[in-house]
Amino acid sequence: MKTTNVRTNKETEINASYETSKFAMTVGMTMAALVGIWGFACMISGVLDGGLGGLVKGLVSAITGN
């Protein structure tokens, strides 16, 4: 019995701009999440260090400059 190999050509279309923006969006969202987690950790540290009143006083002082 003789076998015959059939070769087919399949083209894959790649949209480079879509792939680039998808990558950039993923990186941006990851960095935003890391910044948010870091900010949350800093707020918790501030509350644990000086209490909630000290944290609010320091925040107001930082904004107003007094």
N, C-alpha and C. Protein backbone atom coordinates (compact mmCIF):
# COMPACT_ATOMS: atom_id res chain seq x y z
N MET A 1 0.84 -1.17 0.00
CA MET A 1 0.00 0.00 0.00
C MET A 1 0.90 1.24 0.00
N LYS A 2 0.61 2.12 -0.87
CA LYS A 2 1.40 3.34 -1.01
C LYS A 2 0.68 4.50 -0.31
N THR A 3 1.46 5.28 0.54
CA THR A 3 0.85 6.43 1.23
C THR A 3 1.25 7.70 0.50
N THR A 4 0.35 8.63 0.50
CA THR A 4 0.59 9.91 -0.16
C THR A 4 0.50 11.01 0.89
N ASN A 5 1.55 11.82 0.94
CA ASN A 5 1.56 12.96 1.86
C ASN A 5 0.99 14.17 1.14
N VAL A 6 0.08 14.84 1.80
CA VAL A 6 -0.54 16.03 1.23
C VAL A 6 -0.06 17.22 2.07
N ARG A 7 0.48 18.19 1.40
CA ARG A 7 0.99 19.38 2.08
C ARG A 7 -0.01 20.52 1.86
N THR A 8 -0.40 21.14 2.95
CA THR A 8 -1.30 22.29 2.85
C THR A 8 -0.61 23.51 3.41
N ASN A 9 -0.88 24.62 2.81
CA ASN A 9 -0.33 25.89 3.29
C ASN A 9 -1.43 26.64 4.02
N LYS A 10 -1.10 27.04 5.22
CA LYS A 10 -2.05 27.81 6.01
C LYS A 10 -1.36 29.10 6.41
N GLU A 11 -1.97 30.20 6.09
CA GLU A 11 -1.40 31.50 6.44
C GLU A 11 -2.04 31.99 7.73
N THR A 12 -1.20 32.52 8.57
CA THR A 12 -1.67 33.11 9.81
C THR A 12 -1.44 34.61 9.73
N GLU A 13 -2.51 35.33 9.92
CA GLU A 13 -2.40 36.79 9.85
C GLU A 13 -2.22 37.32 11.26
N ILE A 14 -1.16 38.09 11.46
CA ILE A 14 -0.86 38.66 12.77
C ILE A 14 -1.04 40.17 12.69
N ASN A 15 -1.82 40.68 13.60
CA ASN A 15 -2.03 42.12 13.67
C ASN A 15 -1.04 42.67 14.71
N ALA A 16 0.05 43.24 14.24
CA ALA A 16 1.13 43.67 15.13
C ALA A 16 0.68 44.79 16.07
N SER A 17 -0.14 45.70 15.59
CA SER A 17 -0.57 46.81 16.44
C SER A 17 -1.45 46.30 17.58
N TYR A 18 -2.29 45.32 17.29
CA TYR A 18 -3.13 44.74 18.34
C TYR A 18 -2.27 44.03 19.38
N GLU A 19 -1.32 43.25 18.93
CA GLU A 19 -0.45 42.53 19.86
C GLU A 19 0.38 43.48 20.71
N THR A 20 0.87 44.56 20.09
CA THR A 20 1.66 45.55 20.82
C THR A 20 0.82 46.26 21.87
N SER A 21 -0.39 46.67 21.50
CA SER A 21 -1.24 47.37 22.46
C SER A 21 -1.71 46.43 23.57
N LYS A 22 -1.92 45.17 23.24
CA LYS A 22 -2.30 44.18 24.26
C LYS A 22 -1.17 44.00 25.27
N PHE A 23 0.06 43.93 24.78
CA PHE A 23 1.22 43.80 25.66
C PHE A 23 1.37 45.06 26.53
N ALA A 24 1.25 46.23 25.91
CA ALA A 24 1.39 47.49 26.65
C ALA A 24 0.30 47.62 27.71
N MET A 25 -0.91 47.21 27.39
CA MET A 25 -2.01 47.28 28.36
C MET A 25 -1.75 46.34 29.53
N THR A 26 -1.25 45.15 29.24
CA THR A 26 -0.95 44.19 30.30
C THR A 26 0.15 44.72 31.22
N VAL A 27 1.20 45.28 30.63
CA VAL A 27 2.29 45.84 31.43
C VAL A 27 1.78 47.02 32.26
N GLY A 28 0.99 47.88 31.66
CA GLY A 28 0.44 49.04 32.37
C GLY A 28 -0.44 48.64 33.54
N MET A 29 -1.30 47.65 33.31
CA MET A 29 -2.19 47.20 34.38
C MET A 29 -1.40 46.52 35.50
N THR A 30 -0.37 45.79 35.15
CA THR A 30 0.47 45.15 36.16
C THR A 30 1.19 46.19 37.01
N MET A 31 1.74 47.20 36.35
CA MET A 31 2.44 48.26 37.09
C MET A 31 1.46 49.04 37.98
N ALA A 32 0.26 49.32 37.49
CA ALA A 32 -0.73 50.02 38.30
C ALA A 32 -1.12 49.19 39.52
N ALA A 33 -1.24 47.89 39.34
CA ALA A 33 -1.57 47.02 40.48
C ALA A 33 -0.45 47.02 41.50
N LEU A 34 0.80 46.97 41.04
CA LEU A 34 1.93 47.00 41.97
C LEU A 34 1.99 48.31 42.74
N VAL A 35 1.75 49.43 42.06
CA VAL A 35 1.74 50.73 42.73
C VAL A 35 0.62 50.80 43.76
N GLY A 36 -0.55 50.26 43.40
CA GLY A 36 -1.67 50.25 44.34
C GLY A 36 -1.40 49.41 45.57
N ILE A 37 -0.79 48.24 45.36
CA ILE A 37 -0.45 47.38 46.49
C ILE A 37 0.58 48.05 47.38
N TRP A 38 1.57 48.70 46.76
CA TRP A 38 2.61 49.40 47.54
C TRP A 38 1.98 50.55 48.34
N GLY A 39 1.09 51.31 47.73
CA GLY A 39 0.41 52.40 48.43
C GLY A 39 -0.42 51.90 49.60
N PHE A 40 -1.12 50.79 49.39
CA PHE A 40 -1.92 50.21 50.46
C PHE A 40 -1.03 49.76 51.62
N ALA A 41 0.10 49.14 51.28
CA ALA A 41 1.03 48.70 52.33
C ALA A 41 1.58 49.89 53.11
N CYS A 42 1.85 51.00 52.41
CA CYS A 42 2.34 52.20 53.09
C CYS A 42 1.28 52.79 54.01
N MET A 43 0.03 52.78 53.58
CA MET A 43 -1.05 53.30 54.43
C MET A 43 -1.22 52.44 55.68
N ILE A 44 -1.17 51.14 55.52
CA ILE A 44 -1.27 50.25 56.68
C ILE A 44 -0.10 50.48 57.62
N SER A 45 1.10 50.64 57.07
CA SER A 45 2.27 50.92 57.90
C SER A 45 2.11 52.22 58.65
N GLY A 46 1.57 53.24 57.99
CA GLY A 46 1.35 54.52 58.65
C GLY A 46 0.34 54.43 59.78
N VAL A 47 -0.71 53.66 59.57
CA VAL A 47 -1.71 53.48 60.62
C VAL A 47 -1.11 52.73 61.81
N LEU A 48 -0.33 51.70 61.53
CA LEU A 48 0.27 50.92 62.60
C LEU A 48 1.33 51.71 63.36
N ASP A 49 2.02 52.61 62.67
CA ASP A 49 3.10 53.37 63.29
C ASP A 49 2.58 54.52 64.15
N GLY A 50 1.65 55.31 63.59
CA GLY A 50 1.22 56.51 64.30
C GLY A 50 -0.25 56.57 64.62
N GLY A 51 -0.98 55.54 64.34
CA GLY A 51 -2.41 55.55 64.57
C GLY A 51 -3.13 56.28 63.45
N LEU A 52 -4.44 56.14 63.44
CA LEU A 52 -5.24 56.75 62.38
C LEU A 52 -5.21 58.28 62.47
N GLY A 53 -5.23 58.81 63.68
CA GLY A 53 -5.17 60.26 63.85
C GLY A 53 -3.85 60.84 63.36
N GLY A 54 -2.76 60.18 63.68
CA GLY A 54 -1.45 60.63 63.23
C GLY A 54 -1.32 60.56 61.72
N LEU A 55 -1.94 59.53 61.12
CA LEU A 55 -1.90 59.40 59.67
C LEU A 55 -2.66 60.53 58.99
N VAL A 56 -3.85 60.84 59.51
CA VAL A 56 -4.64 61.94 58.94
C VAL A 56 -3.93 63.27 59.14
N LYS A 57 -3.37 63.49 60.33
CA LYS A 57 -2.64 64.73 60.60
C LYS A 57 -1.45 64.88 59.66
N GLY A 58 -0.70 63.81 59.46
CA GLY A 58 0.43 63.85 58.54
C GLY A 58 0.00 64.09 57.10
N LEU A 59 -1.12 63.49 56.69
CA LEU A 59 -1.62 63.71 55.32
C LEU A 59 -2.03 65.16 55.11
N VAL A 60 -2.76 65.74 56.07
CA VAL A 60 -3.18 67.13 55.97
C VAL A 60 -1.96 68.04 55.99
N SER A 61 -1.00 67.73 56.82
CA SER A 61 0.22 68.53 56.89
C SER A 61 1.00 68.46 55.57
N ALA A 62 1.03 67.31 54.96
CA ALA A 62 1.74 67.17 53.68
C ALA A 62 1.05 67.94 52.57
N ILE A 63 -0.28 67.97 52.58
CA ILE A 63 -1.02 68.68 51.53
C ILE A 63 -0.93 70.18 51.71
N THR A 64 -1.13 70.65 52.95
CA THR A 64 -1.15 72.10 53.18
C THR A 64 0.22 72.70 53.40
N GLY A 65 1.19 71.91 53.80
CA GLY A 65 2.54 72.44 54.03
C GLY A 65 2.74 73.00 55.42
N ASN A 66 1.80 72.81 56.32
CA ASN A 66 1.91 73.32 57.70
C ASN A 66 2.45 72.26 58.62
